[in-house]
Amino acid sequence: MTTTQPDFTSAVELARLAPSVHNTQPWHFRVEGESLVLSRDPQRRLASVDPTGRQQVISCGAALHLAAVDLRMQGFDPVVEEPARPRRDNDLAVLRPVAGHVVSTQDVTAWRAARTRHTQRERFADRAIEPALVAELRAEAEAQGAWVRVVGDEDLPSLAVLLSHADEVERDDPAYRAELAQWTQRPAGSPDGLPAAATPDTTGRGSTVRLREFVLADVAGASQGTSAVALADPPPAEHPLTIVLGTESDGVVDWLRTGGALMALWLRATVDGVQASLLGQVVDLDWSRARLGAVLGVVGHPQLVLRLGYGHTGPDTPRRPVSEVLD
């Protein structure tokens, strides 16, 4: 489909399907002439989990990438300008559509994948990802300015220990617990946050790393009555592929590009039926994120840790209407 004028409503409709920390959906778009300006919503920053706003910007970068995917489907080359001096506070980027793009098969495939992608919170199947696909996923992320480090078996125990420590620090923080409850105990019909159906109990998972619990111990008994029941048989072990996305430097532009890299990799994975989940605790805290880089021996700054594998698709999380995120 090609048009003479970009349909920014359509672009934002797709952009709002991007993943975001705790499904906060912290992006906002506005039309200025023939351009679409992306900004972050300071009211949706998670003060405990994300005090610097790093993960908020990454989420916005993922939304920006999806807006560009939609514009390509409309027949436009999306030129991204990352303003060194924002036009307004909280502005992150300007998306300028240039007419004349010829829609390709890859464009159609990415657009369709964006509508079926979801975060995997159920268990992963015992099926490895082919090395050729791993190479393609790496290439997608690198094309957006990020690097990819596959966490091998020799590094996984160190990652697991570091992640468990970070998880314990967060769980012991009253501010973290209150913030988590705020976004997981939203009113019925809320267009944001994480509903109970999208955050299954982690009991019975054979995960080699600690997963984030969205219902913590002091309220778990009321919501998940079987959580404390011992399992007669150990659960089957899960061995999804674990990767780290990172950047050479660690500024706002790097965070924005990390979101684009995450989204590009995730769309390519979705095409082949690969699901993804984020291991957020280990990168939530500055000290654990820095330590992760040292443990892995990488040059640069880890931004995200993902697990990739095959599994059953879970329920969709709610989304805010376009009218709330586009001016």
C-alpha atoms as a PDB file:
ATOM      1  CA  MET A   1       0.000   0.000   0.000  1.00  0.00           C
ATOM      2  CA  THR A   2       1.336   3.459  -0.917  1.00  0.00           C
ATOM      3  CA  THR A   3      -0.099   6.874  -0.074  1.00  0.00           C
ATOM      4  CA  THR A   4       0.825  10.476  -0.806  1.00  0.00           C
ATOM      5  CA  GLN A   5       0.496  11.521   2.843  1.00  0.00           C
ATOM      6  CA  PRO A   6       1.672   9.494   5.822  1.00  0.00           C
ATOM      7  CA  ASP A   7      -1.002   8.115   8.108  1.00  0.00           C
ATOM      8  CA  PHE A   8       0.522   8.827  11.494  1.00  0.00           C
ATOM      9  CA  THR A   9      -2.480   7.392  13.321  1.00  0.00           C
ATOM     10  CA  SER A  10      -1.756   4.044  11.691  1.00  0.00           C
ATOM     11  CA  ALA A  11       1.933   4.315  12.622  1.00  0.00           C
ATOM     12  CA  VAL A  12       1.142   5.009  16.280  1.00  0.00           C
ATOM     13  CA  GLU A  13      -1.484   2.256  16.332  1.00  0.00           C
ATOM     14  CA  LEU A  14       1.303  -0.214  15.560  1.00  0.00           C
ATOM     15  CA  ALA A  15       3.872   1.540  17.763  1.00  0.00           C
ATOM     16  CA  ARG A  16       1.708   1.127  20.864  1.00  0.00           C
ATOM     17  CA  LEU A  17       2.121  -2.661  20.562  1.00  0.00           C
ATOM     18  CA  ALA A  18       5.764  -2.371  21.596  1.00  0.00           C
ATOM     19  CA  PRO A  19       6.921  -4.040  24.819  1.00  0.00           C
ATOM     20  CA  SER A  20       7.617  -1.817  27.816  1.00  0.00           C
ATOM     21  CA  VAL A  21       8.803  -2.306  31.365  1.00  0.00           C
ATOM     22  CA  HIS A  22       5.788  -3.416  33.466  1.00  0.00           C
ATOM     23  CA  ASN A  23       3.667  -2.514  30.419  1.00  0.00           C
ATOM     24  CA  THR A  24       3.837   1.138  31.413  1.00  0.00           C
ATOM     25  CA  GLN A  25       3.669   2.235  27.740  1.00  0.00           C
ATOM     26  CA  PRO A  26       5.662   5.404  28.483  1.00  0.00           C
ATOM     27  CA  TRP A  27       5.683   6.869  24.964  1.00  0.00           C
ATOM     28  CA  HIS A  28       3.930   9.862  23.497  1.00  0.00           C
ATOM     29  CA  PHE A  29       3.787  11.011  19.891  1.00  0.00           C
ATOM     30  CA  ARG A  30       2.789  14.297  18.325  1.00  0.00           C
ATOM     31  CA  VAL A  31       2.530  15.435  14.725  1.00  0.00           C
ATOM     32  CA  GLU A  32       4.575  18.450  13.703  1.00  0.00           C
ATOM     33  CA  GLY A  33       4.039  19.292  10.060  1.00  0.00           C
ATOM     34  CA  GLU A  34       5.159  16.267   8.062  1.00  0.00           C
ATOM     35  CA  SER A  35       7.025  14.658  10.964  1.00  0.00           C
ATOM     36  CA  LEU A  36       6.179  12.489  13.953  1.00  0.00           C
ATOM     37  CA  VAL A  37       7.898  13.437  17.207  1.00  0.00           C
ATOM     38  CA  LEU A  38       8.484  10.833  19.922  1.00  0.00           C
ATOM     39  CA  SER A  39       8.770  11.818  23.564  1.00  0.00           C
ATOM     40  CA  ARG A  40       8.730   9.997  26.886  1.00  0.00           C
ATOM     41  CA  ASP A  41       6.034  10.481  29.473  1.00  0.00           C
ATOM     42  CA  PRO A  42       7.739  11.400  32.773  1.00  0.00           C
ATOM     43  CA  GLN A  43       4.634  10.393  34.723  1.00  0.00           C
ATOM     44  CA  ARG A  44       5.195   6.778  33.616  1.00  0.00           C
ATOM     45  CA  ARG A  45       8.792   6.420  34.755  1.00  0.00           C
ATOM     46  CA  LEU A  46       9.313   3.714  37.375  1.00  0.00           C
ATOM     47  CA  ALA A  47      11.212   5.492  40.132  1.00  0.00           C
ATOM     48  CA  SER A  48      12.340   2.286  41.861  1.00  0.00           C
ATOM     49  CA  VAL A  49      13.099  -0.060  38.965  1.00  0.00           C
ATOM     50  CA  ASP A  50      14.229   2.635  36.544  1.00  0.00           C
ATOM     51  CA  PRO A  51      15.453   5.744  38.407  1.00  0.00           C
ATOM     52  CA  THR A  52      17.477   7.096  35.458  1.00  0.00           C
ATOM     53  CA  GLY A  53      14.713   6.509  32.901  1.00  0.00           C
ATOM     54  CA  ARG A  54      16.988   4.183  30.908  1.00  0.00           C
ATOM     55  CA  GLN A  55      14.430   1.417  30.506  1.00  0.00           C
ATOM     56  CA  GLN A  56      11.746   3.972  29.741  1.00  0.00           C
ATOM     57  CA  VAL A  57      13.794   5.253  26.797  1.00  0.00           C
ATOM     58  CA  ILE A  58      14.453   1.688  25.624  1.00  0.00           C
ATOM     59  CA  SER A  59      10.692   1.086  25.623  1.00  0.00           C
ATOM     60  CA  CYS A  60      10.206   4.275  23.596  1.00  0.00           C
ATOM     61  CA  GLY A  61      12.885   3.124  21.150  1.00  0.00           C
ATOM     62  CA  ALA A  62      10.948  -0.092  20.572  1.00  0.00           C
ATOM     63  CA  ALA A  63       7.797   1.929  19.846  1.00  0.00           C
ATOM     64  CA  LEU A  64       9.731   4.163  17.451  1.00  0.00           C
ATOM     65  CA  HIS A  65      10.915   1.106  15.545  1.00  0.00           C
ATOM     66  CA  LEU A  66       7.354  -0.147  15.112  1.00  0.00           C
ATOM     67  CA  ALA A  67       6.180   3.256  13.903  1.00  0.00           C
ATOM     68  CA  ALA A  68       8.896   3.046  11.248  1.00  0.00           C
ATOM     69  CA  VAL A  69       7.744  -0.469  10.281  1.00  0.00           C
ATOM     70  CA  ASP A  70       4.243   0.851   9.653  1.00  0.00           C
ATOM     71  CA  LEU A  71       5.465   3.819   7.618  1.00  0.00           C
ATOM     72  CA  ARG A  72       7.399   1.474   5.349  1.00  0.00           C
ATOM     73  CA  MET A  73       4.189  -0.426   4.746  1.00  0.00           C
ATOM     74  CA  GLN A  74       2.643   2.876   3.661  1.00  0.00           C
ATOM     75  CA  GLY A  75       5.412   3.454   1.097  1.00  0.00           C
ATOM     76  CA  PHE A  76       7.680   5.814   3.053  1.00  0.00           C
ATOM     77  CA  ASP A  77      11.321   5.637   4.059  1.00  0.00           C
ATOM     78  CA  PRO A  78      11.319   6.569   7.776  1.00  0.00           C
ATOM     79  CA  VAL A  79      14.258   8.857   8.487  1.00  0.00           C
ATOM     80  CA  VAL A  80      14.997   8.994  12.217  1.00  0.00           C
ATOM     81  CA  GLU A  81      16.511  12.150  13.654  1.00  0.00           C
ATOM     82  CA  GLU A  82      17.803  11.924  17.220  1.00  0.00           C
ATOM     83  CA  PRO A  83      17.834  15.572  18.305  1.00  0.00           C
ATOM     84  CA  ALA A  84      20.841  16.603  20.359  1.00  0.00           C
ATOM     85  CA  ARG A  85      18.740  19.511  21.570  1.00  0.00           C
ATOM     86  CA  PRO A  86      15.129  18.410  21.983  1.00  0.00           C
ATOM     87  CA  ARG A  87      12.415  20.710  20.738  1.00  0.00           C
ATOM     88  CA  ARG A  88      10.690  20.146  24.078  1.00  0.00           C
ATOM     89  CA  ASP A  89      11.625  18.509  27.349  1.00  0.00           C
ATOM     90  CA  ASN A  90      11.413  14.699  27.115  1.00  0.00           C
ATOM     91  CA  ASP A  91      11.617  14.659  23.298  1.00  0.00           C
ATOM     92  CA  LEU A  92      13.654  11.701  22.073  1.00  0.00           C
ATOM     93  CA  ALA A  93      13.478  11.539  18.285  1.00  0.00           C
ATOM     94  CA  VAL A  94      11.812  12.845  15.146  1.00  0.00           C
ATOM     95  CA  LEU A  95      10.515  10.437  12.502  1.00  0.00           C
ATOM     96  CA  ARG A  96      10.409  12.031   9.063  1.00  0.00           C
ATOM     97  CA  PRO A  97       8.734   9.991   6.304  1.00  0.00           C
ATOM     98  CA  VAL A  98      10.216  10.278   2.815  1.00  0.00           C
ATOM     99  CA  ALA A  99       7.922   9.147  -0.009  1.00  0.00           C
ATOM    100  CA  GLY A 100       9.058   6.616  -2.590  1.00  0.00           C
ATOM    101  CA  HIS A 101       9.737   3.472  -0.583  1.00  0.00           C
ATOM    102  CA  VAL A 102       8.882   0.265  -2.435  1.00  0.00           C
ATOM    103  CA  VAL A 103       7.160  -2.107  -0.019  1.00  0.00           C
ATOM    104  CA  SER A 104       9.064  -5.393   0.196  1.00  0.00           C
ATOM    105  CA  THR A 105       8.209  -8.870   1.373  1.00  0.00           C
ATOM    106  CA  GLN A 106      10.374  -8.213   4.428  1.00  0.00           C
ATOM    107  CA  ASP A 107       8.298  -5.121   5.233  1.00  0.00           C
ATOM    108  CA  VAL A 108       5.084  -7.119   5.123  1.00  0.00           C
ATOM    109  CA  THR A 109       6.582  -9.903   7.224  1.00  0.00           C
ATOM    110  CA  ALA A 110       7.821  -7.482   9.901  1.00  0.00           C
ATOM    111  CA  TRP A 111       4.472  -5.681  10.019  1.00  0.00           C
ATOM    112  CA  ARG A 112       2.600  -8.932  10.514  1.00  0.00           C
ATOM    113  CA  ALA A 113       5.066 -10.114  13.150  1.00  0.00           C
ATOM    114  CA  ALA A 114       4.538  -6.892  15.104  1.00  0.00           C
ATOM    115  CA  ARG A 115       0.860  -7.786  15.455  1.00  0.00           C
ATOM    116  CA  THR A 116       1.513 -11.285  16.787  1.00  0.00           C
ATOM    117  CA  ARG A 117       4.581 -10.690  18.983  1.00  0.00           C
ATOM    118  CA  HIS A 118       4.144 -11.062  22.720  1.00  0.00           C
ATOM    119  CA  THR A 119       6.289 -11.511  25.813  1.00  0.00           C
ATOM    120  CA  GLN A 120       6.781 -15.131  26.786  1.00  0.00           C
ATOM    121  CA  ARG A 121       6.067 -15.671  30.483  1.00  0.00           C
ATOM    122  CA  GLU A 122       5.121 -19.358  30.290  1.00  0.00           C
ATOM    123  CA  ARG A 123       7.704 -22.142  30.226  1.00  0.00           C
ATOM    124  CA  PHE A 124       9.934 -22.708  27.212  1.00  0.00           C
ATOM    125  CA  ALA A 125       9.885 -25.934  25.233  1.00  0.00           C
ATOM    126  CA  ASP A 126      12.897 -28.234  25.025  1.00  0.00           C
ATOM    127  CA  ARG A 127      13.881 -27.173  21.523  1.00  0.00           C
ATOM    128  CA  ALA A 128      17.045 -25.371  20.512  1.00  0.00           C
ATOM    129  CA  ILE A 129      17.211 -22.418  18.130  1.00  0.00           C
ATOM    130  CA  GLU A 130      19.199 -23.176  14.992  1.00  0.00           C
ATOM    131  CA  PRO A 131      22.595 -21.413  14.788  1.00  0.00           C
ATOM    132  CA  ALA A 132      21.652 -19.861  11.436  1.00  0.00           C
ATOM    133  CA  LEU A 133      18.665 -18.128  13.020  1.00  0.00           C
ATOM    134  CA  VAL A 134      20.797 -16.959  15.960  1.00  0.00           C
ATOM    135  CA  ALA A 135      23.142 -15.340  13.423  1.00  0.00           C
ATOM    136  CA  GLU A 136      20.190 -13.584  11.778  1.00  0.00           C
ATOM    137  CA  LEU A 137      18.937 -12.303  15.121  1.00  0.00           C
ATOM    138  CA  ARG A 138      22.384 -10.942  15.902  1.00  0.00           C
ATOM    139  CA  ALA A 139      22.532  -9.201  12.526  1.00  0.00           C
ATOM    140  CA  GLU A 140      19.146  -7.544  13.102  1.00  0.00           C
ATOM    141  CA  ALA A 141      20.285  -6.083  16.427  1.00  0.00           C
ATOM    142  CA  GLU A 142      23.660  -4.990  15.096  1.00  0.00           C
ATOM    143  CA  ALA A 143      22.000  -3.169  12.202  1.00  0.00           C
ATOM    144  CA  GLN A 144      20.284  -0.972  14.811  1.00  0.00           C
ATOM    145  CA  GLY A 145      23.533  -0.096  16.595  1.00  0.00           C
ATOM    146  CA  ALA A 146      23.666  -2.682  19.374  1.00  0.00           C
ATOM    147  CA  TRP A 147      25.910  -5.642  20.061  1.00  0.00           C
ATOM    148  CA  VAL A 148      24.812  -9.149  21.021  1.00  0.00           C
ATOM    149  CA  ARG A 149      26.551 -11.479  23.438  1.00  0.00           C
ATOM    150  CA  VAL A 150      25.310 -15.064  23.650  1.00  0.00           C
ATOM    151  CA  VAL A 151      25.568 -16.333  27.223  1.00  0.00           C
ATOM    152  CA  GLY A 152      27.208 -19.741  27.018  1.00  0.00           C
ATOM    153  CA  ASP A 153      26.966 -22.579  29.509  1.00  0.00           C
ATOM    154  CA  GLU A 154      30.200 -21.465  31.142  1.00  0.00           C
ATOM    155  CA  ASP A 155      28.782 -18.005  31.951  1.00  0.00           C
ATOM    156  CA  LEU A 156      25.219 -18.974  32.850  1.00  0.00           C
ATOM    157  CA  PRO A 157      25.956 -19.859  36.527  1.00  0.00           C
ATOM    158  CA  SER A 158      27.551 -16.445  37.108  1.00  0.00           C
ATOM    159  CA  LEU A 159      24.576 -14.729  35.479  1.00  0.00           C
ATOM    160  CA  ALA A 160      22.182 -16.774  37.617  1.00  0.00           C
ATOM    161  CA  VAL A 161      23.966 -15.819  40.852  1.00  0.00           C
ATOM    162  CA  LEU A 162      24.094 -12.149  39.941  1.00  0.00           C
ATOM    163  CA  LEU A 163      20.457 -12.105  38.887  1.00  0.00           C
ATOM    164  CA  SER A 164      19.360 -13.837  42.114  1.00  0.00           C
ATOM    165  CA  HIS A 165      21.242 -11.290  44.202  1.00  0.00           C
ATOM    166  CA  ALA A 166      19.670  -8.381  42.314  1.00  0.00           C
ATOM    167  CA  ASP A 167      16.247  -9.991  42.667  1.00  0.00           C
ATOM    168  CA  GLU A 168      16.672 -10.323  46.435  1.00  0.00           C
ATOM    169  CA  VAL A 169      17.756  -6.693  46.763  1.00  0.00           C
ATOM    170  CA  GLU A 170      14.674  -5.550  44.883  1.00  0.00           C
ATOM    171  CA  ARG A 171      12.291  -7.800  46.803  1.00  0.00           C
ATOM    172  CA  ASP A 172      13.614  -6.424  50.093  1.00  0.00           C
ATOM    173  CA  ASP A 173      12.943  -2.843  48.991  1.00  0.00           C
ATOM    174  CA  PRO A 174       9.503  -1.554  50.110  1.00  0.00           C
ATOM    175  CA  ALA A 175       9.510   1.021  47.290  1.00  0.00           C
ATOM    176  CA  TYR A 176      10.015  -1.732  44.726  1.00  0.00           C
ATOM    177  CA  ARG A 177       7.234  -3.833  46.201  1.00  0.00           C
ATOM    178  CA  ALA A 178       4.830  -0.898  46.200  1.00  0.00           C
ATOM    179  CA  GLU A 179       5.705   0.016  42.625  1.00  0.00           C
ATOM    180  CA  LEU A 180       5.295  -3.551  41.433  1.00  0.00           C
ATOM    181  CA  ALA A 181       1.888  -3.783  43.116  1.00  0.00           C
ATOM    182  CA  GLN A 182       0.840  -0.521  41.476  1.00  0.00           C
ATOM    183  CA  TRP A 183       1.400  -1.946  38.002  1.00  0.00           C
ATOM    184  CA  THR A 184       0.195  -5.507  38.627  1.00  0.00           C
ATOM    185  CA  GLN A 185      -2.943  -4.657  40.576  1.00  0.00           C
ATOM    186  CA  ARG A 186      -4.532  -2.282  38.097  1.00  0.00           C
ATOM    187  CA  PRO A 187      -8.324  -1.853  38.050  1.00  0.00           C
ATOM    188  CA  ALA A 188     -10.311  -4.210  35.833  1.00  0.00           C
ATOM    189  CA  GLY A 189     -10.261  -3.022  32.246  1.00  0.00           C
ATOM    190  CA  SER A 190      -7.128  -0.922  32.727  1.00  0.00           C
ATOM    191  CA  PRO A 191      -5.374  -0.198  29.399  1.00  0.00           C
ATOM    192  CA  ASP A 192      -1.919  -0.607  30.920  1.00  0.00           C
ATOM    193  CA  GLY A 193      -0.051  -2.632  33.521  1.00  0.00           C
ATOM    194  CA  LEU A 194       0.232  -6.395  33.873  1.00  0.00           C
ATOM    195  CA  PRO A 195      -3.013  -8.305  34.514  1.00  0.00           C
ATOM    196  CA  ALA A 196      -2.853 -11.530  36.486  1.00  0.00           C
ATOM    197  CA  ALA A 197      -3.515 -13.617  33.373  1.00  0.00           C
ATOM    198  CA  ALA A 198      -0.285 -12.303  31.835  1.00  0.00           C
ATOM    199  CA  THR A 199       1.882 -13.054  34.878  1.00  0.00           C
ATOM    200  CA  PRO A 200       1.615 -16.784  35.609  1.00  0.00           C
ATOM    201  CA  ASP A 201       2.946 -18.357  38.770  1.00  0.00           C
ATOM    202  CA  THR A 202       6.612 -19.318  38.419  1.00  0.00           C
ATOM    203  CA  THR A 203       6.205 -22.340  40.715  1.00  0.00           C
ATOM    204  CA  GLY A 204       6.768 -25.519  38.752  1.00  0.00           C
ATOM    205  CA  ARG A 205       9.164 -23.874  36.309  1.00  0.00           C
ATOM    206  CA  GLY A 206      12.453 -25.612  35.721  1.00  0.00           C
ATOM    207  CA  SER A 207      14.206 -22.330  35.026  1.00  0.00           C
ATOM    208  CA  THR A 208      17.971 -22.210  35.431  1.00  0.00           C
ATOM    209  CA  VAL A 209      17.709 -18.547  36.478  1.00  0.00           C
ATOM    210  CA  ARG A 210      15.397 -16.776  38.888  1.00  0.00           C
ATOM    211  CA  LEU A 211      12.360 -15.282  37.188  1.00  0.00           C
ATOM    212  CA  ARG A 212      10.714 -12.096  38.334  1.00  0.00           C
ATOM    213  CA  GLU A 213       7.751 -12.796  40.582  1.00  0.00           C
ATOM    214  CA  PHE A 214       4.946 -10.347  39.979  1.00  0.00           C
ATOM    215  CA  VAL A 215       3.004 -11.428  43.078  1.00  0.00           C
ATOM    216  CA  LEU A 216       5.354 -11.303  46.036  1.00  0.00           C
ATOM    217  CA  ALA A 217       5.364 -13.517  49.108  1.00  0.00           C
ATOM    218  CA  ASP A 218       3.209 -11.378  51.356  1.00  0.00           C
ATOM    219  CA  VAL A 219       0.272 -11.502  48.924  1.00  0.00           C
ATOM    220  CA  ALA A 220       0.972 -14.706  47.040  1.00  0.00           C
ATOM    221  CA  GLY A 221      -1.143 -16.851  49.334  1.00  0.00           C
ATOM    222  CA  ALA A 222      -4.261 -14.889  48.487  1.00  0.00           C
ATOM    223  CA  SER A 223      -3.697 -14.872  44.751  1.00  0.00           C
ATOM    224  CA  GLN A 224      -1.883 -18.116  44.076  1.00  0.00           C
ATOM    225  CA  GLY A 225      -2.982 -20.632  46.650  1.00  0.00           C
ATOM    226  CA  THR A 226      -0.919 -23.482  45.251  1.00  0.00           C
ATOM    227  CA  SER A 227       2.365 -21.561  45.177  1.00  0.00           C
ATOM    228  CA  ALA A 228       3.720 -23.108  48.354  1.00  0.00           C
ATOM    229  CA  VAL A 229       2.677 -26.664  47.538  1.00  0.00           C
ATOM    230  CA  ALA A 230       5.663 -28.931  47.018  1.00  0.00           C
ATOM    231  CA  LEU A 231       5.791 -30.633  43.669  1.00  0.00           C
ATOM    232  CA  ALA A 232       5.873 -34.432  43.658  1.00  0.00           C
ATOM    233  CA  ASP A 233       8.204 -34.498  40.646  1.00  0.00           C
ATOM    234  CA  PRO A 234      10.832 -31.949  39.688  1.00  0.00           C
ATOM    235  CA  PRO A 235       9.778 -29.814  36.716  1.00  0.00           C
ATOM    236  CA  PRO A 236      11.520 -30.343  33.390  1.00  0.00           C
ATOM    237  CA  ALA A 237      14.512 -28.077  32.984  1.00  0.00           C
ATOM    238  CA  GLU A 238      14.265 -25.142  30.609  1.00  0.00           C
ATOM    239  CA  HIS A 239      17.238 -24.252  28.445  1.00  0.00           C
ATOM    240  CA  PRO A 240      16.282 -21.314  26.254  1.00  0.00           C
ATOM    241  CA  LEU A 241      18.966 -19.277  24.544  1.00  0.00           C
ATOM    242  CA  THR A 242      20.124 -16.390  26.746  1.00  0.00           C
ATOM    243  CA  ILE A 243      21.577 -13.274  25.147  1.00  0.00           C
ATOM    244  CA  VAL A 244      22.685  -9.830  26.264  1.00  0.00           C
ATOM    245  CA  LEU A 245      22.021  -6.713  24.192  1.00  0.00           C
ATOM    246  CA  GLY A 246      24.453  -3.877  24.758  1.00  0.00           C
ATOM    247  CA  THR A 247      25.922  -0.685  23.364  1.00  0.00           C
ATOM    248  CA  GLU A 248      29.387   0.874  23.187  1.00  0.00           C
ATOM    249  CA  SER A 249      28.362   3.949  25.160  1.00  0.00           C
ATOM    250  CA  ASP A 250      25.576   4.546  27.654  1.00  0.00           C
ATOM    251  CA  GLY A 251      23.571   7.678  26.866  1.00  0.00           C
ATOM    252  CA  VAL A 252      20.000   8.443  25.898  1.00  0.00           C
ATOM    253  CA  VAL A 253      20.652   7.846  22.196  1.00  0.00           C
ATOM    254  CA  ASP A 254      22.187   4.448  23.035  1.00  0.00           C
ATOM    255  CA  TRP A 255      19.118   3.523  25.069  1.00  0.00           C
ATOM    256  CA  LEU A 256      16.850   4.583  22.225  1.00  0.00           C
ATOM    257  CA  ARG A 257      18.819   2.473  19.752  1.00  0.00           C
ATOM    258  CA  THR A 258      18.712  -0.469  22.158  1.00  0.00           C
ATOM    259  CA  GLY A 259      14.921  -0.357  21.923  1.00  0.00           C
ATOM    260  CA  GLY A 260      15.147  -0.458  18.151  1.00  0.00           C
ATOM    261  CA  ALA A 261      17.582  -3.363  18.294  1.00  0.00           C
ATOM    262  CA  LEU A 262      15.341  -5.248  20.701  1.00  0.00           C
ATOM    263  CA  MET A 263      12.344  -4.761  18.438  1.00  0.00           C
ATOM    264  CA  ALA A 264      14.150  -5.690  15.220  1.00  0.00           C
ATOM    265  CA  LEU A 265      15.527  -8.875  16.795  1.00  0.00           C
ATOM    266  CA  TRP A 266      12.166  -9.749  18.344  1.00  0.00           C
ATOM    267  CA  LEU A 267      10.234  -9.331  15.097  1.00  0.00           C
ATOM    268  CA  ARG A 268      12.698 -11.584  13.265  1.00  0.00           C
ATOM    269  CA  ALA A 269      12.389 -14.164  16.040  1.00  0.00           C
ATOM    270  CA  THR A 270       8.591 -14.018  15.898  1.00  0.00           C
ATOM    271  CA  VAL A 271       8.611 -14.867  12.199  1.00  0.00           C
ATOM    272  CA  ASP A 272      10.155 -18.259  13.046  1.00  0.00           C
ATOM    273  CA  GLY A 273       7.915 -18.855  16.061  1.00  0.00           C
ATOM    274  CA  VAL A 274      10.564 -17.967  18.624  1.00  0.00           C
ATOM    275  CA  GLN A 275       9.282 -16.342  21.809  1.00  0.00           C
ATOM    276  CA  ALA A 276      11.225 -13.947  24.027  1.00  0.00           C
ATOM    277  CA  SER A 277      11.225 -12.861  27.648  1.00  0.00           C
ATOM    278  CA  LEU A 278      13.293 -10.299  29.516  1.00  0.00           C
ATOM    279  CA  LEU A 279      15.370 -10.946  32.642  1.00  0.00           C
ATOM    280  CA  GLY A 280      14.992  -7.470  34.034  1.00  0.00           C
ATOM    281  CA  GLN A 281      16.307  -7.715  37.591  1.00  0.00           C
ATOM    282  CA  VAL A 282      19.951  -8.024  36.601  1.00  0.00           C
ATOM    283  CA  VAL A 283      19.868  -4.785  34.595  1.00  0.00           C
ATOM    284  CA  ASP A 284      17.463  -2.824  36.816  1.00  0.00           C
ATOM    285  CA  LEU A 285      20.197  -1.818  39.245  1.00  0.00           C
ATOM    286  CA  ASP A 286      23.317   0.112  38.261  1.00  0.00           C
ATOM    287  CA  TRP A 287      25.676  -2.076  40.290  1.00  0.00           C
ATOM    288  CA  SER A 288      24.335  -5.359  38.881  1.00  0.00           C
ATOM    289  CA  ARG A 289      24.358  -4.042  35.314  1.00  0.00           C
ATOM    290  CA  ALA A 290      27.986  -2.973  35.682  1.00  0.00           C
ATOM    291  CA  ARG A 291      28.885  -6.277  37.303  1.00  0.00           C
ATOM    292  CA  LEU A 292      27.211  -8.174  34.457  1.00  0.00           C
ATOM    293  CA  GLY A 293      29.508  -6.490  31.959  1.00  0.00           C
ATOM    294  CA  ALA A 294      32.532  -7.471  34.031  1.00  0.00           C
ATOM    295  CA  VAL A 295      31.366 -11.068  34.446  1.00  0.00           C
ATOM    296  CA  LEU A 296      30.857 -11.459  30.704  1.00  0.00           C
ATOM    297  CA  GLY A 297      34.053  -9.621  29.828  1.00  0.00           C
ATOM    298  CA  VAL A 298      32.339  -7.366  27.325  1.00  0.00           C
ATOM    299  CA  VAL A 299      33.536  -3.993  26.069  1.00  0.00           C
ATOM    300  CA  GLY A 300      30.614  -1.635  26.452  1.00  0.00           C
ATOM    301  CA  HIS A 301      27.430  -1.492  28.460  1.00  0.00           C
ATOM    302  CA  PRO A 302      24.887  -4.312  28.845  1.00  0.00           C
ATOM    303  CA  GLN A 303      21.372  -2.935  28.375  1.00  0.00           C
ATOM    304  CA  LEU A 304      19.023  -5.937  28.284  1.00  0.00           C
ATOM    305  CA  VAL A 305      19.088  -9.667  28.975  1.00  0.00           C
ATOM    306  CA  LEU A 306      16.713 -11.843  26.956  1.00  0.00           C
ATOM    307  CA  ARG A 307      15.764 -15.486  26.871  1.00  0.00           C
ATOM    308  CA  LEU A 308      14.706 -16.841  23.505  1.00  0.00           C
ATOM    309  CA  GLY A 309      13.014 -20.130  22.715  1.00  0.00           C
ATOM    310  CA  TYR A 310       9.859 -21.904  21.654  1.00  0.00           C
ATOM    311  CA  GLY A 311       6.679 -22.129  23.667  1.00  0.00           C
ATOM    312  CA  HIS A 312       2.939 -21.581  23.765  1.00  0.00           C
ATOM    313  CA  THR A 313       1.753 -18.036  23.236  1.00  0.00           C
ATOM    314  CA  GLY A 314       0.180 -16.431  26.268  1.00  0.00           C
ATOM    315  CA  PRO A 315      -2.486 -13.760  26.596  1.00  0.00           C
ATOM    316  CA  ASP A 316      -1.975 -10.275  25.202  1.00  0.00           C
ATOM    317  CA  THR A 317      -1.419  -7.408  27.590  1.00  0.00           C
ATOM    318  CA  PRO A 318      -3.742  -4.389  27.324  1.00  0.00           C
ATOM    319  CA  ARG A 319      -2.860  -1.295  25.320  1.00  0.00           C
ATOM    320  CA  ARG A 320      -3.747   2.366  25.661  1.00  0.00           C
ATOM    321  CA  PRO A 321      -5.852   3.769  22.801  1.00  0.00           C
ATOM    322  CA  VAL A 322      -4.139   5.827  20.117  1.00  0.00           C
ATOM    323  CA  SER A 323      -6.070   8.891  21.286  1.00  0.00           C
ATOM    324  CA  GLU A 324      -4.107   8.823  24.567  1.00  0.00           C
ATOM    325  CA  VAL A 325      -0.650   8.658  23.009  1.00  0.00           C
ATOM    326  CA  LEU A 326      -0.937  10.840  19.891  1.00  0.00           C
ATOM    327  CA  ASP A 327      -1.463  14.582  19.605  1.00  0.00           C
END
